[in-house]
Protein backbone atom coordinates (compact mmCIF):
# COMPACT_ATOMS: atom_id res chain seq x y z
CA MET A 1 21.21 -10.94 17.54
CA ALA A 2 19.52 -9.77 13.92
CA ARG A 3 19.31 -13.08 11.09
CA ILE A 4 22.36 -13.65 9.29
CA SER A 5 20.24 -12.85 6.20
CA SER A 6 19.54 -9.47 7.23
CA TYR A 7 22.32 -8.48 7.14
CA PRO A 8 24.15 -6.55 3.59
CA ARG A 9 26.32 -8.92 1.42
CA ASP A 10 29.71 -7.59 0.80
CA LEU A 11 31.54 -9.39 -2.05
CA ASP A 12 34.57 -7.18 -2.31
CA VAL A 13 36.61 -8.77 0.56
CA VAL A 14 39.80 -6.39 1.18
CA ASP A 15 43.03 -6.90 4.16
CA ASN A 16 40.96 -4.91 7.11
CA ASP A 17 37.62 -6.64 6.82
CA SER A 18 36.90 -8.90 9.55
CA TRP A 19 34.30 -11.57 11.24
CA ILE A 20 33.89 -12.83 14.49
CA GLY A 21 35.24 -16.40 15.92
CA THR A 22 36.40 -18.18 18.78
CA GLU A 23 40.00 -18.77 19.68
CA SER A 24 40.74 -22.27 20.64
CA SER A 25 43.14 -21.68 23.79
CA ASN A 26 40.44 -19.80 26.03
CA ARG A 27 37.34 -19.77 24.30
CA GLN A 28 36.96 -16.23 23.82
CA THR A 29 35.14 -14.79 20.95
CA LYS A 30 37.27 -12.32 19.02
CA ASN A 31 37.27 -10.77 15.44
CA TYR A 32 39.59 -11.87 12.96
CA THR A 33 40.67 -9.97 9.69
CA ALA A 34 40.72 -11.42 6.04
CA ALA A 35 44.52 -10.75 6.13
CA ALA A 36 45.19 -12.62 9.05
CA VAL A 37 43.51 -15.39 8.05
CA ALA A 38 45.02 -15.49 4.55
CA LYS A 39 48.45 -14.93 6.42
CA TYR A 40 47.75 -18.24 8.48
CA LEU A 41 46.77 -20.15 5.51
CA ASN A 42 50.02 -19.26 3.42
CA ILE A 43 52.35 -19.87 6.28
CA LYS A 44 50.74 -23.05 7.55
CA GLY A 45 50.44 -24.30 3.95
CA LYS A 46 46.77 -25.05 4.74
CA ILE A 47 46.18 -24.49 0.86
CA SER A 48 47.28 -27.43 -0.52
CA ILE A 49 49.38 -26.39 -4.18
CA SER A 50 50.86 -29.28 -5.90
CA ALA A 51 54.84 -29.33 -6.13
CA GLN A 52 55.54 -26.76 -3.43
CA MET A 53 56.31 -26.59 0.35
CA VAL A 54 56.31 -23.81 2.81
CA PHE A 55 59.23 -23.63 5.53
CA LYS A 56 60.31 -20.76 7.96
CA TYR A 57 64.05 -19.21 7.82
CA MET A 58 65.38 -19.63 11.09
CA THR A 59 69.49 -18.68 11.39
CA ALA A 60 69.72 -21.74 14.02
CA GLY A 61 68.39 -24.66 14.18
CA ALA A 62 65.93 -26.47 11.81
CA GLY A 63 62.80 -27.57 13.89
CA GLY A 64 59.43 -28.77 12.35
CA GLY A 65 58.68 -26.85 9.33
CA GLU A 66 62.12 -24.75 9.32
CA PHE A 67 65.16 -24.34 7.33
CA SER A 68 68.75 -22.86 8.25
CA GLY A 69 72.23 -22.75 7.32
CA PRO A 70 73.30 -19.59 5.47
CA ALA A 71 73.68 -16.19 7.46
CA ASN A 72 70.92 -14.10 8.31
CA LEU A 73 70.87 -11.57 5.04
CA SER A 74 72.95 -13.57 3.05
CA PRO A 75 72.05 -13.30 -0.90
CA ILE A 76 70.04 -15.89 -1.94
CA ALA A 77 72.05 -16.25 -4.94
CA ASN A 78 74.87 -17.72 -2.63
CA ILE A 79 73.12 -20.31 -1.40
CA THR A 80 74.71 -24.10 -2.15
CA THR A 81 73.43 -25.89 1.17
CA LEU A 82 70.69 -25.94 3.44
CA GLN A 83 69.68 -27.91 6.43
CA LEU A 84 65.93 -28.40 6.15
CA SER A 85 63.23 -30.39 8.54
CA THR A 86 62.03 -33.29 7.50
CA THR A 87 58.59 -32.00 7.82
CA ASP A 88 57.14 -28.65 5.80
CA ALA A 89 54.96 -26.08 7.68
CA SER A 90 51.98 -28.00 7.50
CA SER A 91 53.63 -31.16 9.12
CA GLN A 92 53.84 -33.23 5.69
CA ASN A 93 56.95 -35.39 5.80
CA VAL A 94 58.71 -34.28 2.20
CA VAL A 95 61.60 -37.14 2.35
CA ALA A 96 60.37 -39.17 -0.57
CA PHE A 97 59.37 -35.84 -2.73
CA MET A 98 62.24 -34.30 -2.33
CA ASP A 99 64.61 -37.68 -2.95
CA TYR A 100 62.77 -37.90 -6.12
CA LEU A 101 63.61 -34.32 -7.09
CA VAL A 102 67.31 -34.63 -6.92
CA GLY A 103 68.90 -33.85 -10.18
CA ASN A 104 66.05 -31.24 -11.16
CA ASN A 105 65.28 -27.67 -10.42
CA ILE A 106 63.44 -26.00 -7.54
CA LEU A 107 62.47 -22.16 -6.62
CA ILE A 108 62.87 -21.18 -3.05
CA SER A 109 60.97 -17.59 -2.79
CA GLU A 110 59.63 -15.30 0.04
CA GLN A 111 56.46 -15.26 0.48
CA ASN A 112 54.59 -11.92 -0.28
CA GLU A 113 58.05 -10.45 -1.85
CA ILE A 114 58.63 -13.01 -5.29
CA SER A 115 61.58 -10.69 -6.59
CA ASN A 116 63.75 -12.48 -3.47
CA PHE A 117 63.94 -15.81 -4.83
CA GLY A 118 66.45 -18.57 -6.23
CA HIS A 119 66.50 -20.93 -9.14
CA PHE A 120 68.49 -23.89 -8.25
CA THR A 121 69.93 -27.26 -9.12
CA ILE A 122 69.29 -29.66 -6.44
CA ASP A 123 72.47 -32.01 -6.24
CA SER A 124 71.74 -33.90 -3.41
CA TYR A 125 69.70 -34.68 -0.31
CA THR A 126 70.60 -36.88 2.72
CA THR A 127 68.85 -37.23 5.58
CA ASN A 128 69.43 -38.03 9.25
CA GLY A 129 67.01 -37.93 12.15
CA ASN A 130 64.50 -35.22 11.15
CA VAL A 131 66.43 -32.89 9.52
CA SER A 132 68.14 -33.40 5.70
CA THR A 133 71.38 -31.44 4.12
CA LEU A 134 69.92 -30.06 0.91
CA ASN A 135 73.20 -29.03 -1.52
CA LEU A 136 72.36 -27.07 -4.43
CA THR A 137 73.94 -25.05 -7.45
CA ASN A 138 72.64 -21.86 -8.39
CA LEU A 139 71.17 -20.95 -11.75
CA PHE A 140 69.73 -17.45 -10.86
CA GLY A 141 68.86 -15.33 -7.75
CA ASN A 142 67.84 -11.96 -6.31
CA GLY A 143 67.69 -10.71 -2.58
CA ASN A 144 68.60 -11.85 0.36
CA LEU A 145 67.48 -14.45 3.40
CA GLU A 146 65.62 -13.18 6.10
CA ASN A 147 65.47 -14.35 9.60
CA LYS A 148 61.86 -15.89 10.44
CA LYS A 149 60.42 -15.03 6.95
CA PHE A 150 58.44 -17.74 5.39
CA TYR A 151 59.85 -19.12 1.66
CA ASP A 152 57.79 -21.26 -0.69
CA PHE A 153 59.96 -24.04 -1.98
CA ALA A 154 58.48 -25.54 -5.58
CA VAL A 155 59.43 -27.58 -8.65
CA PHE A 156 60.28 -24.70 -11.09
CA THR A 157 62.02 -25.36 -14.75
CA LEU A 158 62.06 -22.94 -17.32
CA SER A 159 61.03 -23.82 -20.81
CA SER A 160 63.68 -24.55 -23.12
CA GLN A 161 61.91 -22.84 -25.96
CA GLY A 162 63.64 -19.70 -26.93
CA VAL A 163 66.64 -20.75 -24.39
CA PRO A 164 69.49 -19.09 -26.61
CA THR A 165 72.40 -21.83 -27.33
CA PHE A 166 75.35 -21.86 -25.28
CA VAL A 167 78.46 -20.93 -27.29
CA PHE A 168 82.18 -21.67 -25.62
CA THR A 169 85.21 -20.51 -27.30
CA GLN A 170 88.55 -22.42 -26.94
CA GLY A 171 90.93 -19.63 -28.37
CA VAL A 172 94.05 -22.30 -26.98
CA PRO A 173 94.57 -25.23 -28.67
CA ALA A 174 93.92 -28.13 -26.21
CA THR A 175 93.30 -31.53 -26.23
CA THR A 176 90.71 -31.28 -23.18
CA TRP A 177 88.13 -28.22 -23.00
CA ASN A 178 86.24 -27.83 -19.66
CA ILE A 179 83.26 -25.83 -19.83
CA GLN A 180 80.99 -24.31 -17.49
CA HIS A 181 77.76 -23.33 -19.27
CA ASN A 182 75.27 -22.83 -16.22
CA LEU A 183 71.91 -24.30 -18.11
CA GLY A 184 71.02 -26.66 -15.28
CA LYS A 185 70.86 -29.30 -17.67
CA PHE A 186 72.67 -32.39 -19.63
CA PRO A 187 73.03 -30.61 -22.82
CA SER A 188 73.74 -31.82 -26.52
CA VAL A 189 77.00 -30.80 -27.86
CA SER A 190 78.41 -29.51 -31.10
CA VAL A 191 82.42 -28.55 -31.75
CA VAL A 192 84.02 -27.31 -34.63
CA ASN A 193 87.48 -26.03 -35.40
CA ASN A 194 88.41 -22.43 -36.40
CA ASN A 195 87.59 -23.90 -39.90
CA ASP A 196 84.11 -24.54 -39.01
CA LEU A 197 84.78 -28.31 -39.74
CA LEU A 198 82.89 -30.80 -36.99
CA MET A 199 84.91 -32.58 -34.52
CA ASN A 200 84.52 -35.66 -33.00
CA GLY A 201 85.71 -36.30 -29.48
CA GLU A 202 84.34 -37.76 -25.75
CA ILE A 203 81.65 -35.58 -23.82
CA THR A 204 81.97 -36.19 -20.02
CA TYR A 205 79.01 -34.63 -18.47
CA ILE A 206 80.33 -33.37 -14.77
CA ASP A 207 77.04 -32.25 -13.62
CA ASN A 208 74.05 -30.50 -14.90
CA ASN A 209 76.22 -27.51 -15.54
CA ASN A 210 79.69 -28.67 -16.44
CA ILE A 211 81.05 -31.00 -19.11
CA THR A 212 84.62 -31.81 -20.26
CA CYS A 213 85.51 -32.34 -23.85
CA ASN A 214 88.50 -34.59 -24.73
CA PHE A 215 89.99 -34.85 -27.92
CA SER A 216 92.78 -37.03 -29.90
CA ALA A 217 94.87 -33.73 -30.88
CA ALA A 218 94.63 -30.42 -29.89
CA PHE A 219 92.96 -27.69 -32.04
CA ALA A 220 91.12 -23.86 -31.28
CA GLY A 221 87.41 -23.81 -31.81
CA LYS A 222 83.47 -23.37 -30.65
CA ALA A 223 81.64 -25.40 -28.80
CA TYR A 224 77.68 -25.33 -29.01
CA LEU A 225 75.31 -26.47 -26.42
CA ASN A 226 71.70 -26.52 -26.33
């Protein structure tokens, strides 16, 4: 075999480029493409990315590095609960980290198909043995889950800068206003009556996306949340 230094250098690596290696199971010499190596690194989570985990979606069971729950081809936007392995595809235990994320937002996106994604608030995370249940509130989503595809789970919060104020209109006078805002947070609230006078009341935060406003007298008006 010629010296390595005698071969021309190629600084433009493409998917079908390949190099020689040894298969661990039988010690046979084989060639491996750049695309195959990249796929292995992605699905096994071999490249560490802070606050990101990789799981394989399976329609049944949730073995190591897998998640299940919704039916195959379910809209990602309809997900409310998942059964998740306590270890991700790289065999890291994720329990402590996921516990920490409860109440925060997460992005679940298909590897190599970023337009198949869901943006969620984590409502709760409970563990039983090697499987955990993740309860979610959807903020936005697109595309469908597909069996045996790999998905990235990553902490994801959109900047509030530039996000418009949510305006709720109470057309019928009432002492209790139930407001679903879907802002994914506990917003500040200002309430005015139909004469644009500021009204004081008791604000109760039901969760990250719902509040209740209670007043001593019934009136109609608007609530501004941001």
